[in-house]
Protein backbone atom coordinates (compact mmCIF):
# COMPACT_ATOMS: atom_id res chain seq x y z
CA ILE A 1 13.16 -76.80 66.11
CA PHE A 2 9.59 -77.83 64.99
CA THR A 3 8.57 -77.79 68.62
CA VAL A 4 9.45 -74.12 69.00
CA ILE A 5 7.75 -73.15 65.79
CA ASP A 6 4.55 -75.07 66.74
CA GLU A 7 4.46 -73.10 70.07
CA ASP A 8 5.08 -69.74 68.36
CA MET A 9 2.15 -70.35 66.08
CA SER A 10 -0.08 -71.49 68.71
CA ASP A 11 0.61 -68.40 70.78
CA GLN A 12 -0.10 -66.13 67.76
CA ILE A 13 -3.45 -67.83 67.01
CA THR A 14 -4.35 -67.48 70.68
CA LYS A 15 -3.69 -63.78 70.69
CA GLU A 16 -5.80 -63.27 67.40
CA LYS A 17 -8.75 -65.05 68.97
CA THR A 18 -8.61 -62.98 72.08
CA MET A 19 -8.52 -59.70 70.05
CA SER A 20 -11.46 -60.76 67.87
CA THR A 21 -13.56 -61.66 70.86
CA ALA A 22 -12.95 -58.42 72.56
CA GLY A 23 -13.89 -56.47 69.44
CA ASN A 24 -17.26 -58.25 69.06
CA ALA A 25 -18.07 -57.55 72.67
CA LYS A 26 -17.26 -53.92 72.19
CA ASP A 27 -19.57 -53.62 69.16
CA GLU A 28 -22.40 -55.35 70.79
CA ALA A 29 -22.08 -52.95 73.86
CA GLU A 30 -22.08 -49.77 71.73
CA GLY A 31 -25.04 -51.20 69.47
CA SER A 32 -23.36 -49.83 66.31
CA PHE A 33 -23.54 -53.20 64.46
CA SER A 34 -26.99 -54.85 64.36
CA PRO A 35 -28.70 -56.83 61.63
CA VAL A 36 -31.53 -54.91 59.95
CA SER A 37 -34.87 -56.68 59.37
CA LEU A 38 -36.78 -55.87 56.28
CA ASP A 39 -40.55 -55.29 56.74
CA ASP A 40 -43.27 -54.70 54.29
CA ASP A 41 -42.96 -50.97 54.31
CA SER A 42 -39.33 -50.87 53.41
CA LYS A 43 -39.93 -52.71 50.00
CA GLY A 44 -36.30 -53.72 49.52
CA THR A 45 -34.55 -50.59 50.60
CA GLY A 46 -33.16 -52.11 53.67
CA ILE A 47 -34.07 -48.94 55.71
CA PRO A 48 -37.08 -49.08 57.90
CA GLY A 49 -39.77 -46.43 56.94
CA VAL A 50 -38.25 -45.59 53.42
CA VAL A 51 -40.33 -46.94 50.58
CA LEU A 52 -38.77 -47.20 47.18
CA GLU A 53 -41.50 -46.55 44.41
CA ASP A 54 -42.20 -48.91 41.76
CA THR A 55 -40.10 -48.12 38.78
CA GLN A 56 -40.42 -49.63 35.19
CA ILE A 57 -37.48 -50.15 33.00
CA HIS A 58 -38.30 -49.12 29.38
CA GLU A 59 -36.31 -50.74 26.65
CA THR A 60 -34.59 -48.05 24.52
CA THR A 61 -34.82 -48.65 20.73
CA GLY A 62 -32.63 -46.98 18.21
CA PRO A 63 -33.36 -45.72 14.89
CA PRO A 64 -34.83 -48.30 12.41
CA VAL A 65 -31.81 -50.08 10.76
CA GLY A 66 -33.75 -51.71 7.98
CA ALA A 67 -33.63 -48.88 5.56
CA ALA A 68 -30.03 -48.06 6.25
CA LEU A 69 -29.11 -51.73 5.87
CA GLN A 70 -30.99 -51.82 2.57
CA LYS A 71 -29.12 -48.83 1.27
CA LEU A 72 -25.79 -50.28 2.23
CA VAL A 73 -26.53 -53.49 0.46
CA VAL A 74 -27.60 -51.69 -2.73
CA ALA A 75 -24.55 -49.36 -2.68
CA THR A 76 -22.20 -52.38 -2.20
CA GLY A 77 -23.82 -54.39 -5.12
CA THR A 78 -23.46 -51.33 -7.37
CA ARG A 79 -19.73 -51.03 -6.46
CA LEU A 80 -19.23 -54.58 -7.13
CA ARG A 81 -21.03 -54.29 -10.53
CA CYS A 82 -18.93 -51.24 -11.48
CA THR A 83 -15.58 -52.72 -10.39
CA LYS A 84 -16.46 -55.81 -12.51
CA GLN A 85 -17.33 -53.73 -15.47
CA LEU A 86 -14.18 -51.67 -15.26
CA LEU A 87 -12.05 -54.86 -14.97
CA SER A 88 -13.69 -56.39 -17.89
CA GLU A 89 -13.18 -53.28 -20.04
CA LYS A 90 -9.54 -53.16 -18.98
CA PHE A 91 -8.94 -56.72 -20.09
CA GLY A 92 -10.87 -56.37 -23.21
CA LYS A 93 -13.89 -58.74 -22.20
CA GLY A 94 -16.52 -56.27 -21.76
CA THR A 95 -18.12 -53.52 -23.79
CA ARG A 96 -18.56 -49.78 -23.06
CA THR A 97 -20.79 -47.08 -24.24
CA VAL A 98 -18.93 -44.55 -26.36
CA ASP A 99 -20.01 -41.16 -27.30
CA VAL A 100 -17.35 -40.19 -29.87
CA GLN A 101 -18.00 -36.45 -30.15
CA LEU A 102 -18.33 -36.03 -26.34
CA ASP A 103 -15.20 -37.93 -25.58
CA GLU A 104 -13.24 -35.85 -28.09
CA ARG A 105 -14.48 -32.61 -26.58
CA ILE A 106 -13.41 -33.96 -23.03
CA ASN A 107 -10.00 -34.68 -24.45
CA VAL A 108 -9.58 -31.40 -26.09
CA LEU A 109 -10.62 -29.76 -22.69
CA ARG A 110 -8.01 -31.67 -20.80
CA ASP A 111 -5.26 -30.88 -23.32
CA THR A 112 -6.22 -27.18 -23.27
CA GLN A 113 -5.99 -26.97 -19.49
CA ARG A 114 -2.54 -28.57 -19.68
CA LYS A 115 -1.39 -25.94 -22.29
CA TYR A 116 -2.75 -23.09 -20.28
CA VAL A 117 -1.11 -24.09 -17.09
CA LEU A 118 2.16 -24.37 -19.07
CA ILE A 119 1.56 -20.79 -20.64
CA GLN A 120 0.83 -19.61 -17.07
CA GLY A 121 4.10 -20.93 -15.79
CA LEU A 122 6.24 -19.41 -18.72
CA ILE A 123 4.41 -16.06 -18.08
CA ARG A 124 5.48 -16.22 -14.42
CA LYS A 125 8.97 -17.07 -15.26
CA LEU A 126 9.11 -14.29 -17.81
CA ALA A 127 7.90 -11.72 -15.24
CA MET A 128 10.36 -12.83 -12.81
CA GLN A 129 13.28 -12.37 -15.18
CA LEU A 130 11.89 -9.09 -16.29
CA LYS A 131 11.61 -7.83 -12.72
CA VAL A 132 15.26 -8.79 -11.97
CA SER A 133 16.34 -6.94 -15.20
CA MET A 134 14.14 -3.97 -14.08
CA GLU A 135 15.80 -3.81 -10.78
CA SER A 136 19.24 -3.74 -12.42
CA GLN A 137 18.25 -1.03 -14.76
CA GLN A 138 16.96 1.07 -11.79
CA THR A 139 20.14 0.59 -9.87
CA LEU A 140 22.29 1.38 -13.04
CA GLY A 141 20.17 4.53 -13.35
CA ASP A 142 20.70 5.57 -9.81
CA MET A 143 24.56 5.14 -10.21
CA PHE A 144 24.53 7.15 -13.41
CA ALA A 145 22.72 9.93 -11.65
CA GLU A 146 25.16 9.92 -8.77
CA TYR A 147 28.16 10.11 -11.15
CA SER A 148 26.50 12.87 -13.02
CA VAL A 149 26.90 14.95 -9.94
CA ARG A 150 30.43 13.80 -9.07
CA THR A 151 31.93 14.24 -12.61
CA PRO A 152 30.96 17.76 -13.98
CA GLU A 153 32.81 17.13 -17.10
CA LEU A 154 30.51 14.07 -17.87
CA ARG A 155 27.45 15.35 -16.29
CA GLU A 156 25.23 15.53 -19.55
CA GLU A 157 26.20 12.07 -20.72
CA PHE A 158 25.63 10.29 -17.29
CA LYS A 159 22.37 12.35 -16.78
CA ARG A 160 21.12 11.14 -20.27
CA ASN A 161 21.99 7.51 -19.47
CA SER A 162 20.32 7.70 -16.03
CA ASP A 163 17.07 9.04 -17.55
CA VAL A 164 17.06 6.31 -20.19
CA GLN A 165 17.65 3.46 -17.54
CA ARG A 166 14.99 4.89 -15.21
CA HIS A 167 12.44 5.22 -18.06
CA VAL A 168 12.83 1.54 -19.20
CA ALA A 169 12.60 0.50 -15.52
CA ARG A 170 9.41 2.49 -15.08
CA ASN A 171 7.83 0.82 -18.20
CA GLY A 172 9.09 -2.65 -16.93
CA GLU A 173 7.06 -2.10 -13.76
CA SER A 174 3.96 -1.48 -15.69
CA LEU A 175 4.49 -4.55 -17.88
CA VAL A 176 5.23 -6.74 -14.85
CA ALA A 177 1.97 -5.57 -13.32
CA ILE A 178 0.13 -6.40 -16.50
CA MET A 179 1.75 -9.81 -16.78
CA ALA A 180 0.78 -10.62 -13.17
CA THR A 181 -2.93 -9.55 -13.97
CA PHE A 182 -2.92 -11.74 -17.14
CA GLU A 183 -1.45 -14.71 -15.19
CA GLY A 184 -4.18 -14.42 -12.57
CA ASN A 185 -7.01 -14.34 -15.18
CA LEU A 186 -5.45 -17.40 -16.89
CA GLU A 187 -5.25 -19.09 -13.61
CA THR A 188 -8.91 -18.37 -12.83
CA LEU A 189 -9.71 -19.92 -16.28
CA SER A 190 -7.71 -22.98 -16.09
CA ARG A 191 -7.69 -23.69 -12.29
CA LYS A 192 -11.24 -22.89 -11.33
CA THR A 193 -13.63 -22.72 -14.39
CA MET A 194 -12.01 -25.75 -16.27
CA ASP A 195 -11.78 -27.72 -13.02
CA ASP A 196 -15.42 -27.24 -12.41
CA THR A 197 -16.27 -28.67 -15.76
CA LEU A 198 -13.77 -31.61 -15.15
CA LEU A 199 -15.69 -32.38 -11.92
CA LYS A 200 -18.74 -32.83 -14.19
CA VAL A 201 -16.67 -34.98 -16.49
CA LYS A 202 -15.87 -37.32 -13.49
CA GLU A 203 -19.62 -37.56 -12.60
CA TYR A 204 -20.40 -38.43 -16.20
CA GLU A 205 -17.76 -41.10 -16.34
CA SER A 206 -19.11 -42.71 -13.11
CA ALA A 207 -22.70 -42.60 -14.52
CA ARG A 208 -21.42 -44.14 -17.73
CA VAL A 209 -19.74 -47.09 -15.80
CA GLU A 210 -22.94 -47.78 -13.66
CA TYR A 211 -25.03 -47.68 -16.88
CA ASP A 212 -22.81 -50.17 -18.61
CA ALA A 213 -22.62 -52.51 -15.59
CA PHE A 214 -26.42 -52.59 -15.29
CA ARG A 215 -26.64 -53.09 -19.12
CA THR A 216 -24.27 -56.05 -18.97
CA ASP A 217 -26.22 -57.68 -16.09
CA LEU A 218 -29.37 -57.20 -18.19
CA GLU A 219 -28.00 -58.63 -21.37
CA GLN A 220 -26.64 -61.63 -19.38
CA LEU A 221 -30.06 -62.33 -17.78
CA ARG A 222 -31.78 -62.02 -21.06
CA ALA A 223 -29.22 -64.42 -22.78
CA PHE A 224 -29.90 -66.87 -19.92
CA LYS A 225 -33.53 -66.65 -20.37
CA VAL A 226 -33.28 -67.36 -24.18
CA GLN A 227 -31.00 -70.22 -23.51
CA ASN A 228 -33.30 -71.72 -20.88
CA PRO A 229 -36.87 -70.50 -21.61
CA SER A 230 -38.32 -73.04 -18.99
CA ALA A 231 -36.53 -71.51 -16.13
CA THR A 232 -38.82 -69.66 -13.84
CA GLY A 233 -36.48 -68.67 -11.05
CA LYS A 234 -34.97 -65.85 -13.11
CA ALA A 235 -38.12 -63.91 -13.87
CA ALA A 236 -38.13 -61.66 -10.67
CA LYS A 237 -34.38 -60.99 -11.03
CA LEU A 238 -34.97 -60.11 -14.78
CA GLU A 239 -37.84 -57.55 -13.97
CA LYS A 240 -35.61 -55.95 -11.29
CA ALA A 241 -32.68 -55.75 -13.65
CA GLU A 242 -34.74 -54.01 -16.25
CA ALA A 243 -36.05 -51.47 -13.76
CA ASP A 244 -32.50 -50.65 -12.55
CA PHE A 245 -31.28 -50.46 -16.14
CA GLU A 246 -34.03 -47.81 -16.88
CA VAL A 247 -33.09 -45.84 -13.86
CA ASN A 248 -29.54 -45.67 -14.60
CA ARG A 249 -29.87 -45.14 -18.28
CA ALA A 250 -32.06 -42.02 -17.25
CA HIS A 251 -29.40 -40.78 -14.89
CA TYR A 252 -26.82 -41.31 -17.59
CA ASP A 253 -28.74 -39.45 -20.18
CA LYS A 254 -29.33 -36.63 -17.75
CA VAL A 255 -25.56 -36.17 -16.70
CA ARG A 256 -24.61 -36.42 -20.38
CA SER A 257 -26.97 -33.68 -21.35
CA GLU A 258 -25.66 -31.39 -18.52
CA LEU A 259 -22.04 -31.99 -19.39
CA THR A 260 -22.69 -31.15 -23.09
CA ILE A 261 -24.35 -27.84 -21.92
CA LYS A 262 -21.51 -26.98 -19.65
CA LEU A 263 -18.76 -27.71 -22.17
CA GLN A 264 -20.57 -25.46 -24.73
CA LEU A 265 -20.88 -22.56 -22.12
CA LEU A 266 -17.17 -23.18 -21.21
CA ASP A 267 -16.10 -22.92 -24.91
CA GLU A 268 -17.90 -19.64 -25.47
CA ASN A 269 -16.65 -18.17 -22.19
CA LYS A 270 -13.13 -19.27 -22.90
CA THR A 271 -13.03 -17.76 -26.30
CA LYS A 272 -14.27 -14.38 -25.08
CA VAL A 273 -11.96 -14.27 -22.19
CA MET A 274 -8.77 -15.42 -23.95
CA GLN A 275 -9.43 -13.15 -27.03
CA ASN A 276 -9.70 -9.99 -24.90
CA GLN A 277 -6.64 -11.04 -22.73
CA LEU A 278 -4.46 -11.84 -25.45
CA VAL A 279 -5.15 -8.61 -27.38
CA LEU A 280 -4.33 -6.62 -24.17
CA PHE A 281 -1.25 -8.64 -23.43
CA HIS A 282 -0.11 -8.01 -27.03
CA ASN A 283 -0.77 -4.27 -26.80
CA ALA A 284 1.04 -4.08 -23.52
CA CYS A 285 4.29 -5.89 -24.87
CA CYS A 286 4.28 -3.83 -28.01
CA ALA A 287 3.87 -0.71 -25.88
CA TYR A 288 6.77 -1.60 -23.65
CA TYR A 289 9.24 -2.47 -26.22
CA THR A 290 8.46 0.72 -28.36
CA SER A 291 8.44 2.91 -25.16
CA ASP A 292 4.86 3.92 -25.70
CA LEU A 293 3.94 5.18 -22.31
CA GLN A 294 0.26 6.13 -23.45
CA GLY A 295 -0.14 2.62 -24.76
CA LEU A 296 1.04 1.09 -21.55
CA ALA A 297 -1.26 3.56 -19.64
CA ASP A 298 -4.24 2.28 -21.69
CA CYS A 299 -3.38 -1.24 -21.10
CA LEU A 300 -3.15 -0.76 -17.35
CA GLU A 301 -6.52 0.83 -17.44
CA LYS A 302 -8.05 -1.93 -19.55
CA PHE A 303 -6.42 -4.65 -17.29
CA HIS A 304 -7.85 -2.64 -14.30
CA VAL A 305 -4.26 -2.47 -12.83
CA LYS A 306 -3.73 0.45 -10.61
CA LEU A 307 -0.11 1.18 -9.48
CA PRO A 308 0.38 3.18 -6.35
CA SER A 309 1.53 6.78 -6.90
CA SER A 310 4.70 6.10 -4.83
CA GLU A 311 5.89 3.52 -7.26
CA ARG A 312 7.96 4.27 -10.21
CA GLY A 313 5.57 2.55 -12.47
CA THR A 314 3.31 5.50 -12.80
CA ALA A 315 3.68 6.96 -16.33
CA PRO A 316 4.26 10.67 -16.69
CA LYS A 317 1.71 12.75 -18.43
CA GLU A 318 4.17 13.70 -21.29
CA PRO A 319 6.39 10.85 -22.74
CA LEU A 320 10.09 11.53 -22.56
CA LYS A 321 11.95 11.83 -25.79
CA PHE A 322 15.50 10.69 -26.24
CA ASP A 323 17.77 11.48 -29.31
CA MET A 324 20.83 9.73 -30.37
CA LEU A 325 23.94 11.43 -29.21
CA PRO A 326 26.56 12.22 -32.11
CA VAL A 327 29.72 10.40 -31.94
CA SER A 328 33.01 12.52 -32.31
CA SER A 329 35.06 12.24 -35.52
CA SER A 330 38.21 10.90 -33.57
CA ALA A 331 36.21 8.07 -32.14
CA SER A 332 34.92 7.10 -35.59
CA SER A 333 38.40 7.28 -37.18
CA SER A 334 39.73 5.07 -34.49
CA SER A 335 37.29 2.37 -35.15
CA GLU A 336 37.84 2.53 -38.92
CA ASP A 337 41.50 1.99 -38.33
CA GLY A 338 40.62 -1.15 -36.35
CA ASP A 339 41.97 0.17 -33.02
CA THR A 340 39.21 -1.33 -30.71
CA ASN A 341 41.15 -0.42 -27.47
CA VAL A 342 40.30 3.35 -27.72
CA ALA A 343 37.12 4.29 -25.97
CA PRO A 344 34.73 6.13 -27.91
CA ARG A 345 34.20 9.83 -27.32
CA TYR A 346 30.90 11.96 -27.40
């Protein structure tokens, strides 16, 4: 078996050598493969007569990283100081700068915003409920009007009830529009104006933490110098700490002054806006529940609310007058006798 395998392998190797020799002879005959000699004119191109010009490789340098690295180091150090200051305040080991009057005004502002948001939600809920009631009243008025046509013997009674329900629904649409405008003005005050001031409050709190952090470092270095007057290695650090402390104190005073002015302007604006809005809302509610169409029209004008003419909320030029209908004597006598099952008659 091994003899046969050896013979087959030797035959295969002989065939491969024969084919390789024939291929080399063919290439030499055609001249397609020949080594290329490099002369002086080629200058490393490998192609005779083609000269590669001398090129210089310039080292590309990026932007200077020294300033950016320095800023990163300073920012990291400030964050570490602020984190240390916050932890020490939380565990009662550090002291913080307190402005009693300013902190009290900030707490009042946050409490006022929460209350205004609550009032805004209640007004929205009341407007939705009033809108549902108004739609039911309008549907009821339409049904009364339909039955006034179908029942001639009760035409007057159904017509009067239809007019009353439609009149109340028309006033309700005006009040719902006024409520929506009042809610929008309240949202602008609580969600935008107050939020803008609270952003300044966050900036003030951040400046206060940085100021206290650098103040604590300066106090520690001064205490170390008092305990070790002969130590000379801390002099440079003490000077740098004093310079950083002065910078942060100036920034803290600036932000605190800006926040005080912003709170003062907010209080004045809030008082004027809310006083006007509350008076108009009160007048609108009183006009609605007393069926004062002219009062509702005045409130719509002062709230700058314009209802489309196609809607039922447009008040008529002359207010409708409704009189109490007299009750027949038979109905009153039945009620006096205690018979509650008998329907009243008009």
